[in-house]
Each structure stands twice: as structure tokens, then as C-alpha cells.
Amino acid sequence: MKTVLVTGASRGLGRSIILEYAKHGYNVVIHYHERGDKAKALKQEVEKNYHVRAMIVEADLKSEEEIDKMLSTIYKEFDYIDVLVNNAGIAIDNDFTCKTKEEFMKVLEVNLLAPYLLSKKVGLKMQEMNIKGTITNITSTNGIDTTYVESIDYDASKAGLISLTHNLAQYFAPSIRVNAIAPGWIETDMNKDLSALFIKKEEDKILLGRFAKPEEISPLVYFLSSDEAYYINDTIIRIDGGVRR
């Protein structure tokens, strides 16, 4: 039975990804940082509805020491990780003139540096164990062409994650496939405080006329690690409902 580690998995898209993998018979590792109650509830839901093992791990992904402790804990429970999904991400949207270096660096540490560290450590372990695994990075259309100056740090981190994906795919080939998906707007807690006027403005740009639901994104994440996608590598897949040009 294969094992997947999903970062930022206690809610939103991460939660949906965990359920998707559990549905397909994977043991799941649910990473969280601040929402332990939601992680525990998800673990219980997985164990109740699917015949797989579920594990929860806590780590501040801004700390390499905590990342190392998390991986050590996982490897005591599971011999190896078959699939890594770098899903965790934060946004600190504010006025460009007020954005601080500390805020910018915090976003980069979680959204870009942590995926680099995790991919390096997990990928090298995969190679050591001769595992033909996969790494999937959750980037964003913000890293391609949907930019907002209030999110300049978030946008930069997602563009960097796309570049990281290409470099990792080159390094780990041919044993480990590395891809990324670039979602547009998703109905998640990260976006729950957006104004109704802003949401309407953004929905009008989308051909399908609405934000995505997490469960409309997670099947693509699973597919990229499946045998059916075995020849897909070093690829960024956009999933945004179509955008008016």
C-alpha cells in the first residue's frame, strides 16, 4: 500500500487531496501547523470511511529543524513516502507600500523554501529506497499571469515554485516524476474574507462563472501521481475554469 504526505492538509484543498488519496487506497499523512482539531477530525473521517492508515504530523514549515523532525516521525510509522504533495501555502495581502521584509520572507519560506527542502529530503529518500515516486507542487495562476500588487510576495513565491518544479524534474529524472498544478480561484478559507464585490469581479473573468470547489481540483492532483499519468513529467497544468481573454 502506498503512502502520501500532503502539507497543509487540515482544511481546504489539502483536506480534499487527502480524501482523494484515501479513496484510492493510499495511507495518508496529514500535515498541519495551527489547526490540530481539524487534522484530528480528518484523520477520524479517513479511518471511518476508508480501509487505510491515517497519520497526523505537526510542523512549522518555516523551520528546517521541524521539517526534519516531522519526516523522522513519518519514517518511524511508514518505511517510505511514495507521493509528496507540497500544498501548504500562505498569503499576506496588504498595501504594497506597507508590506514588510518580514512578511515577504515569511511567505517565501512557507510557499517556496519549504517545498524545496521537503522535495530534496523526500526525493533523496525515494532514490535511496529505489522508489519510483512523484512530487506534485500546488502553485497558482498567480505564478503565471494573474498578478496583484497586494499579493506581490505570494505571486513571486508561486512563480518560484514553477521554476523549482522544472529544476526538480530535471534532477530527479527518470526515477521521480515532478509536476505542478496551477489553480485559479478556489473556495477555501484563505479566500473567505474577500469582499462580495471583488468576488463578483473575479467570477466575471472566469468562463465557468464561479470559483472552483476543492473537490474539483484534488482529482487532478491524484491523477498526476497515478500510473495513468506515468508519462507526464516536468509539466505545469493550469486548472482555472477558463479565463476571458
C-alpha atoms as a PDB file:
ATOM      1  CA  MET A   1       0.000   0.000   0.000  1.00  0.00           C
ATOM      2  CA  LYS A   2       1.383   3.406  -0.990  1.00  0.00           C
ATOM      3  CA  THR A   3       1.761   6.434   1.287  1.00  0.00           C
ATOM      4  CA  VAL A   4       1.174  10.108   0.501  1.00  0.00           C
ATOM      5  CA  LEU A   5       2.298  13.137   2.508  1.00  0.00           C
ATOM      6  CA  VAL A   6       0.206  16.265   1.955  1.00  0.00           C
ATOM      7  CA  THR A   7       1.305  19.506   3.578  1.00  0.00           C
ATOM      8  CA  GLY A   8      -1.274  21.993   4.774  1.00  0.00           C
ATOM      9  CA  ALA A   9      -3.824  19.211   4.791  1.00  0.00           C
ATOM     10  CA  SER A  10      -6.180  20.057   7.650  1.00  0.00           C
ATOM     11  CA  ARG A  11      -8.598  22.108   5.546  1.00  0.00           C
ATOM     12  CA  GLY A  12      -9.449  23.406   2.098  1.00  0.00           C
ATOM     13  CA  LEU A  13      -7.689  21.886  -0.883  1.00  0.00           C
ATOM     14  CA  GLY A  14      -5.278  19.889   1.292  1.00  0.00           C
ATOM     15  CA  ARG A  15      -8.167  18.181   3.054  1.00  0.00           C
ATOM     16  CA  SER A  16      -9.783  17.324  -0.271  1.00  0.00           C
ATOM     17  CA  ILE A  17      -6.482  15.896  -1.568  1.00  0.00           C
ATOM     18  CA  ILE A  18      -6.180  13.651   1.492  1.00  0.00           C
ATOM     19  CA  LEU A  19      -9.689  12.289   0.961  1.00  0.00           C
ATOM     20  CA  GLU A  20      -8.976  11.702  -2.738  1.00  0.00           C
ATOM     21  CA  TYR A  21      -5.893   9.621  -1.986  1.00  0.00           C
ATOM     22  CA  ALA A  22      -7.637   7.720   0.817  1.00  0.00           C
ATOM     23  CA  LYS A  23     -10.441   6.900  -1.615  1.00  0.00           C
ATOM     24  CA  HIS A  24      -7.827   5.349  -3.903  1.00  0.00           C
ATOM     25  CA  GLY A  25      -6.364   3.199  -1.134  1.00  0.00           C
ATOM     26  CA  TYR A  26      -3.359   5.267  -0.055  1.00  0.00           C
ATOM     27  CA  ASN A  27      -2.137   5.561   3.505  1.00  0.00           C
ATOM     28  CA  VAL A  28      -2.238   9.287   4.235  1.00  0.00           C
ATOM     29  CA  VAL A  29      -0.047  11.629   6.268  1.00  0.00           C
ATOM     30  CA  ILE A  30      -1.934  14.777   7.244  1.00  0.00           C
ATOM     31  CA  HIS A  31       0.410  17.684   7.949  1.00  0.00           C
ATOM     32  CA  TYR A  32      -0.834  20.733   9.851  1.00  0.00           C
ATOM     33  CA  HIS A  33       0.639  23.631  11.786  1.00  0.00           C
ATOM     34  CA  GLU A  34      -2.089  25.509  13.639  1.00  0.00           C
ATOM     35  CA  ARG A  35      -5.332  23.556  13.165  1.00  0.00           C
ATOM     36  CA  GLY A  36      -4.838  20.344  15.061  1.00  0.00           C
ATOM     37  CA  ASP A  37      -8.544  19.920  15.728  1.00  0.00           C
ATOM     38  CA  LYS A  38      -9.326  19.873  12.020  1.00  0.00           C
ATOM     39  CA  ALA A  39      -6.433  17.480  11.347  1.00  0.00           C
ATOM     40  CA  LYS A  40      -7.705  15.082  14.026  1.00  0.00           C
ATOM     41  CA  ALA A  41     -11.230  15.253  12.639  1.00  0.00           C
ATOM     42  CA  LEU A  42      -9.923  14.485   9.149  1.00  0.00           C
ATOM     43  CA  LYS A  43      -7.931  11.514  10.469  1.00  0.00           C
ATOM     44  CA  GLN A  44     -11.076  10.144  12.087  1.00  0.00           C
ATOM     45  CA  GLU A  45     -13.074  10.663   8.900  1.00  0.00           C
ATOM     46  CA  VAL A  46     -10.470   8.823   6.820  1.00  0.00           C
ATOM     47  CA  GLU A  47     -10.218   5.892   9.230  1.00  0.00           C
ATOM     48  CA  LYS A  48     -14.007   5.604   9.484  1.00  0.00           C
ATOM     49  CA  ASN A  49     -14.693   5.614   5.744  1.00  0.00           C
ATOM     50  CA  TYR A  50     -11.623   4.059   4.136  1.00  0.00           C
ATOM     51  CA  HIS A  51      -9.531   0.970   4.865  1.00  0.00           C
ATOM     52  CA  VAL A  52      -6.228   2.865   5.087  1.00  0.00           C
ATOM     53  CA  ARG A  53      -3.934   4.175   7.774  1.00  0.00           C
ATOM     54  CA  ALA A  54      -4.005   7.868   8.593  1.00  0.00           C
ATOM     55  CA  MET A  55      -1.334   9.774  10.483  1.00  0.00           C
ATOM     56  CA  ILE A  56      -1.226  13.409  11.565  1.00  0.00           C
ATOM     57  CA  VAL A  57       2.012  15.374  11.946  1.00  0.00           C
ATOM     58  CA  GLU A  58       2.583  18.948  13.105  1.00  0.00           C
ATOM     59  CA  ALA A  59       5.387  21.177  11.871  1.00  0.00           C
ATOM     60  CA  ASP A  60       6.124  24.829  11.265  1.00  0.00           C
ATOM     61  CA  LEU A  61       7.383  24.618   7.688  1.00  0.00           C
ATOM     62  CA  LYS A  62       9.419  27.784   8.167  1.00  0.00           C
ATOM     63  CA  SER A  63      11.770  25.699  10.325  1.00  0.00           C
ATOM     64  CA  GLU A  64      14.075  23.132   8.724  1.00  0.00           C
ATOM     65  CA  GLU A  65      14.533  21.523  12.138  1.00  0.00           C
ATOM     66  CA  GLU A  66      10.777  20.953  12.429  1.00  0.00           C
ATOM     67  CA  ILE A  67      10.644  19.589   8.895  1.00  0.00           C
ATOM     68  CA  ASP A  68      13.385  17.096   9.805  1.00  0.00           C
ATOM     69  CA  LYS A  69      11.537  16.068  12.979  1.00  0.00           C
ATOM     70  CA  MET A  70       8.312  15.618  11.005  1.00  0.00           C
ATOM     71  CA  LEU A  71       9.968  13.387   8.421  1.00  0.00           C
ATOM     72  CA  SER A  72      11.695  11.358  11.125  1.00  0.00           C
ATOM     73  CA  THR A  73       8.314  10.788  12.785  1.00  0.00           C
ATOM     74  CA  ILE A  74       6.753   9.719   9.485  1.00  0.00           C
ATOM     75  CA  TYR A  75       9.537   7.264   8.672  1.00  0.00           C
ATOM     76  CA  LYS A  76       9.058   5.583  12.047  1.00  0.00           C
ATOM     77  CA  GLU A  77       5.475   4.824  11.023  1.00  0.00           C
ATOM     78  CA  PHE A  78       5.970   4.241   7.290  1.00  0.00           C
ATOM     79  CA  ASP A  79       9.146   2.955   5.678  1.00  0.00           C
ATOM     80  CA  TYR A  80       8.928   5.461   2.864  1.00  0.00           C
ATOM     81  CA  ILE A  81       6.789   8.081   1.172  1.00  0.00           C
ATOM     82  CA  ASP A  82       5.595   7.343  -2.364  1.00  0.00           C
ATOM     83  CA  VAL A  83       3.951  10.681  -3.078  1.00  0.00           C
ATOM     84  CA  LEU A  84       4.722  14.169  -1.796  1.00  0.00           C
ATOM     85  CA  VAL A  85       2.180  16.929  -2.360  1.00  0.00           C
ATOM     86  CA  ASN A  86       3.530  20.377  -1.490  1.00  0.00           C
ATOM     87  CA  ASN A  87       0.200  22.045  -0.854  1.00  0.00           C
ATOM     88  CA  ALA A  88       0.794  24.294   2.180  1.00  0.00           C
ATOM     89  CA  GLY A  89       0.727  27.984   1.380  1.00  0.00           C
ATOM     90  CA  ILE A  90       0.034  31.322   2.998  1.00  0.00           C
ATOM     91  CA  ALA A  91      -0.851  34.780   1.734  1.00  0.00           C
ATOM     92  CA  ILE A  92      -0.380  38.099   3.500  1.00  0.00           C
ATOM     93  CA  ASP A  93      -2.251  40.514   1.251  1.00  0.00           C
ATOM     94  CA  ASN A  94      -1.841  44.167   2.142  1.00  0.00           C
ATOM     95  CA  ASP A  95      -0.961  47.555   0.690  1.00  0.00           C
ATOM     96  CA  PHE A  96       2.251  47.418  -1.327  1.00  0.00           C
ATOM     97  CA  THR A  97       3.730  50.416   0.471  1.00  0.00           C
ATOM     98  CA  CYS A  98       3.104  48.791   3.868  1.00  0.00           C
ATOM     99  CA  LYS A  99       4.425  45.300   3.103  1.00  0.00           C
ATOM    100  CA  THR A 100       7.473  44.497   5.207  1.00  0.00           C
ATOM    101  CA  LYS A 101      10.542  42.398   4.528  1.00  0.00           C
ATOM    102  CA  GLU A 102       9.486  40.071   7.359  1.00  0.00           C
ATOM    103  CA  GLU A 103       6.085  39.471   5.743  1.00  0.00           C
ATOM    104  CA  PHE A 104       7.653  38.889   2.333  1.00  0.00           C
ATOM    105  CA  MET A 105      10.160  36.408   3.730  1.00  0.00           C
ATOM    106  CA  LYS A 106       7.510  34.535   5.731  1.00  0.00           C
ATOM    107  CA  VAL A 107       5.506  33.920   2.554  1.00  0.00           C
ATOM    108  CA  LEU A 108       8.608  32.773   0.663  1.00  0.00           C
ATOM    109  CA  GLU A 109       9.651  30.453   3.490  1.00  0.00           C
ATOM    110  CA  VAL A 110       6.314  28.617   3.552  1.00  0.00           C
ATOM    111  CA  ASN A 111       5.409  28.725  -0.138  1.00  0.00           C
ATOM    112  CA  LEU A 112       8.807  28.177  -1.757  1.00  0.00           C
ATOM    113  CA  LEU A 113      11.615  27.268   0.632  1.00  0.00           C
ATOM    114  CA  ALA A 114       9.604  24.561   2.429  1.00  0.00           C
ATOM    115  CA  PRO A 115       8.696  22.772  -0.845  1.00  0.00           C
ATOM    116  CA  TYR A 116      12.374  22.909  -1.817  1.00  0.00           C
ATOM    117  CA  LEU A 117      13.505  21.380   1.487  1.00  0.00           C
ATOM    118  CA  LEU A 118      10.772  18.737   1.530  1.00  0.00           C
ATOM    119  CA  SER A 119      11.285  17.788  -2.105  1.00  0.00           C
ATOM    120  CA  LYS A 120      15.028  17.480  -1.599  1.00  0.00           C
ATOM    121  CA  LYS A 121      14.793  15.398   1.569  1.00  0.00           C
ATOM    122  CA  VAL A 122      11.875  13.195   0.480  1.00  0.00           C
ATOM    123  CA  GLY A 123      13.152  12.857  -3.082  1.00  0.00           C
ATOM    124  CA  LEU A 124      16.607  11.734  -1.998  1.00  0.00           C
ATOM    125  CA  LYS A 125      14.989   9.207   0.357  1.00  0.00           C
ATOM    126  CA  MET A 126      12.889   7.917  -2.543  1.00  0.00           C
ATOM    127  CA  GLN A 127      16.041   7.423  -4.580  1.00  0.00           C
ATOM    128  CA  GLU A 128      17.799   5.738  -1.662  1.00  0.00           C
ATOM    129  CA  MET A 129      14.887   3.312  -1.293  1.00  0.00           C
ATOM    130  CA  ASN A 130      14.584   2.857  -5.074  1.00  0.00           C
ATOM    131  CA  ILE A 131      11.029   4.219  -5.008  1.00  0.00           C
ATOM    132  CA  LYS A 132       9.620   5.479  -8.290  1.00  0.00           C
ATOM    133  CA  GLY A 133       7.714   8.235  -6.554  1.00  0.00           C
ATOM    134  CA  THR A 134       6.124  11.515  -7.514  1.00  0.00           C
ATOM    135  CA  ILE A 135       6.215  15.082  -6.265  1.00  0.00           C
ATOM    136  CA  THR A 136       3.364  17.453  -7.053  1.00  0.00           C
ATOM    137  CA  ASN A 137       3.610  21.146  -6.252  1.00  0.00           C
ATOM    138  CA  ILE A 138       0.486  23.248  -5.813  1.00  0.00           C
ATOM    139  CA  THR A 139       1.344  26.549  -7.419  1.00  0.00           C
ATOM    140  CA  SER A 140      -1.162  29.084  -8.779  1.00  0.00           C
ATOM    141  CA  THR A 141      -2.149  31.089 -11.815  1.00  0.00           C
ATOM    142  CA  ASN A 142      -0.698  33.914  -9.691  1.00  0.00           C
ATOM    143  CA  GLY A 143       2.670  32.466 -10.615  1.00  0.00           C
ATOM    144  CA  ILE A 144       1.892  32.703 -14.334  1.00  0.00           C
ATOM    145  CA  ASP A 145      -0.177  35.726 -15.287  1.00  0.00           C
ATOM    146  CA  THR A 146      -2.736  36.548 -12.594  1.00  0.00           C
ATOM    147  CA  THR A 147      -0.872  39.117 -10.530  1.00  0.00           C
ATOM    148  CA  TYR A 148      -1.971  41.522  -7.815  1.00  0.00           C
ATOM    149  CA  VAL A 149       0.417  44.042  -6.298  1.00  0.00           C
ATOM    150  CA  GLU A 150      -1.143  43.400  -2.868  1.00  0.00           C
ATOM    151  CA  SER A 151      -0.009  39.778  -3.287  1.00  0.00           C
ATOM    152  CA  ILE A 152       3.422  40.528  -4.730  1.00  0.00           C
ATOM    153  CA  ASP A 153       5.133  38.138  -2.306  1.00  0.00           C
ATOM    154  CA  TYR A 154       2.583  35.364  -2.893  1.00  0.00           C
ATOM    155  CA  ASP A 155       2.811  35.804  -6.670  1.00  0.00           C
ATOM    156  CA  ALA A 156       6.622  35.677  -6.554  1.00  0.00           C
ATOM    157  CA  SER A 157       6.563  32.544  -4.402  1.00  0.00           C
ATOM    158  CA  LYS A 158       4.245  30.740  -6.821  1.00  0.00           C
ATOM    159  CA  ALA A 159       6.322  31.759  -9.834  1.00  0.00           C
ATOM    160  CA  GLY A 160       9.371  30.455  -7.984  1.00  0.00           C
ATOM    161  CA  LEU A 161       7.572  27.181  -7.282  1.00  0.00           C
ATOM    162  CA  ILE A 162       7.026  26.704 -11.008  1.00  0.00           C
ATOM    163  CA  SER A 163      10.740  27.203 -11.616  1.00  0.00           C
ATOM    164  CA  LEU A 164      11.533  24.831  -8.746  1.00  0.00           C
ATOM    165  CA  THR A 165       9.283  22.202 -10.322  1.00  0.00           C
ATOM    166  CA  HIS A 166      11.244  22.292 -13.580  1.00  0.00           C
ATOM    167  CA  ASN A 167      14.601  22.042 -11.794  1.00  0.00           C
ATOM    168  CA  LEU A 168      13.470  19.173  -9.554  1.00  0.00           C
ATOM    169  CA  ALA A 169      12.096  17.250 -12.537  1.00  0.00           C
ATOM    170  CA  GLN A 170      15.452  17.588 -14.278  1.00  0.00           C
ATOM    171  CA  TYR A 171      17.403  16.497 -11.207  1.00  0.00           C
ATOM    172  CA  PHE A 172      15.292  13.509 -10.159  1.00  0.00           C
ATOM    173  CA  ALA A 173      14.664  12.093 -13.648  1.00  0.00           C
ATOM    174  CA  PRO A 174      13.978   9.367 -14.536  1.00  0.00           C
ATOM    175  CA  SER A 175      13.097   7.770 -11.206  1.00  0.00           C
ATOM    176  CA  ILE A 176      10.860  10.513  -9.750  1.00  0.00           C
ATOM    177  CA  ARG A 177       8.278  12.494 -11.684  1.00  0.00           C
ATOM    178  CA  VAL A 178       7.789  16.122 -10.637  1.00  0.00           C
ATOM    179  CA  ASN A 179       4.820  18.182 -11.814  1.00  0.00           C
ATOM    180  CA  ALA A 180       2.731  21.107 -10.650  1.00  0.00           C
ATOM    181  CA  ILE A 181      -0.816  22.293 -10.962  1.00  0.00           C
ATOM    182  CA  ALA A 182      -1.750  25.960 -11.142  1.00  0.00           C
ATOM    183  CA  PRO A 183      -5.274  26.505  -9.855  1.00  0.00           C
ATOM    184  CA  GLY A 184      -7.149  29.739 -10.202  1.00  0.00           C
ATOM    185  CA  TRP A 185      -9.595  30.857  -7.528  1.00  0.00           C
ATOM    186  CA  ILE A 186     -10.802  28.123  -5.140  1.00  0.00           C
ATOM    187  CA  GLU A 187     -13.498  28.309  -2.469  1.00  0.00           C
ATOM    188  CA  THR A 188     -11.268  27.970   0.616  1.00  0.00           C
ATOM    189  CA  ASP A 189     -10.817  29.643   3.989  1.00  0.00           C
ATOM    190  CA  MET A 190      -7.917  31.625   2.512  1.00  0.00           C
ATOM    191  CA  ASN A 191     -10.432  33.472   0.344  1.00  0.00           C
ATOM    192  CA  LYS A 192     -13.390  33.653   2.733  1.00  0.00           C
ATOM    193  CA  ASP A 193     -12.743  37.291   3.706  1.00  0.00           C
ATOM    194  CA  LEU A 194     -12.771  38.648   0.149  1.00  0.00           C
ATOM    195  CA  SER A 195     -15.444  41.253  -0.467  1.00  0.00           C
ATOM    196  CA  ALA A 196     -18.556  40.274  -2.414  1.00  0.00           C
ATOM    197  CA  LEU A 197     -17.734  42.992  -4.963  1.00  0.00           C
ATOM    198  CA  PHE A 198     -14.226  41.618  -5.554  1.00  0.00           C
ATOM    199  CA  ILE A 199     -15.503  38.034  -5.844  1.00  0.00           C
ATOM    200  CA  LYS A 200     -18.100  39.107  -8.426  1.00  0.00           C
ATOM    201  CA  LYS A 201     -15.408  40.958 -10.390  1.00  0.00           C
ATOM    202  CA  GLU A 202     -13.168  37.872 -10.417  1.00  0.00           C
ATOM    203  CA  GLU A 203     -16.009  35.472 -11.247  1.00  0.00           C
ATOM    204  CA  ASP A 204     -16.867  37.600 -14.279  1.00  0.00           C
ATOM    205  CA  LYS A 205     -13.375  36.831 -15.644  1.00  0.00           C
ATOM    206  CA  ILE A 206     -13.932  33.064 -15.391  1.00  0.00           C
ATOM    207  CA  LEU A 207     -15.611  31.306 -18.322  1.00  0.00           C
ATOM    208  CA  LEU A 208     -17.414  28.929 -15.945  1.00  0.00           C
ATOM    209  CA  GLY A 209     -18.562  31.928 -13.902  1.00  0.00           C
ATOM    210  CA  ARG A 210     -17.512  30.773 -10.436  1.00  0.00           C
ATOM    211  CA  PHE A 211     -14.649  29.773  -8.156  1.00  0.00           C
ATOM    212  CA  ALA A 212     -13.642  26.103  -8.094  1.00  0.00           C
ATOM    213  CA  LYS A 213     -14.564  23.749  -5.297  1.00  0.00           C
ATOM    214  CA  PRO A 214     -11.603  21.899  -3.707  1.00  0.00           C
ATOM    215  CA  GLU A 215     -13.019  18.549  -4.829  1.00  0.00           C
ATOM    216  CA  GLU A 216     -12.819  19.753  -8.442  1.00  0.00           C
ATOM    217  CA  ILE A 217      -9.050  20.205  -8.091  1.00  0.00           C
ATOM    218  CA  SER A 218      -7.983  17.195  -5.986  1.00  0.00           C
ATOM    219  CA  PRO A 219      -8.706  14.505  -8.646  1.00  0.00           C
ATOM    220  CA  LEU A 220      -6.104  16.140 -10.898  1.00  0.00           C
ATOM    221  CA  VAL A 221      -3.561  16.041  -8.072  1.00  0.00           C
ATOM    222  CA  TYR A 222      -4.181  12.327  -7.627  1.00  0.00           C
ATOM    223  CA  PHE A 223      -4.106  11.669 -11.375  1.00  0.00           C
ATOM    224  CA  LEU A 224      -0.624  13.161 -11.717  1.00  0.00           C
ATOM    225  CA  SER A 225       0.761  10.562  -9.306  1.00  0.00           C
ATOM    226  CA  SER A 226      -1.161   7.640 -10.791  1.00  0.00           C
ATOM    227  CA  ASP A 227       0.110   5.046 -13.252  1.00  0.00           C
ATOM    228  CA  GLU A 228      -2.196   6.542 -15.883  1.00  0.00           C
ATOM    229  CA  ALA A 229      -0.059   9.696 -15.818  1.00  0.00           C
ATOM    230  CA  TYR A 230       3.255   7.865 -15.929  1.00  0.00           C
ATOM    231  CA  TYR A 231       4.499   9.767 -18.994  1.00  0.00           C
ATOM    232  CA  ILE A 232       3.596  13.201 -17.596  1.00  0.00           C
ATOM    233  CA  ASN A 233       6.654  14.877 -16.151  1.00  0.00           C
ATOM    234  CA  ASP A 234       8.081  18.397 -15.761  1.00  0.00           C
ATOM    235  CA  THR A 235       4.658  19.832 -16.578  1.00  0.00           C
ATOM    236  CA  ILE A 236       2.575  22.697 -15.164  1.00  0.00           C
ATOM    237  CA  ILE A 237      -1.166  22.131 -15.586  1.00  0.00           C
ATOM    238  CA  ARG A 238      -3.473  25.111 -15.318  1.00  0.00           C
ATOM    239  CA  ILE A 239      -6.930  24.488 -13.840  1.00  0.00           C
ATOM    240  CA  ASP A 240      -8.926  27.702 -13.560  1.00  0.00           C
ATOM    241  CA  GLY A 241     -12.302  27.243 -15.286  1.00  0.00           C
ATOM    242  CA  GLY A 242     -11.074  29.138 -18.325  1.00  0.00           C
ATOM    243  CA  VAL A 243     -10.303  32.840 -18.381  1.00  0.00           C
ATOM    244  CA  ARG A 244     -11.783  35.529 -20.632  1.00  0.00           C
ATOM    245  CA  ARG A 245      -9.164  36.974 -22.961  1.00  0.00           C
END
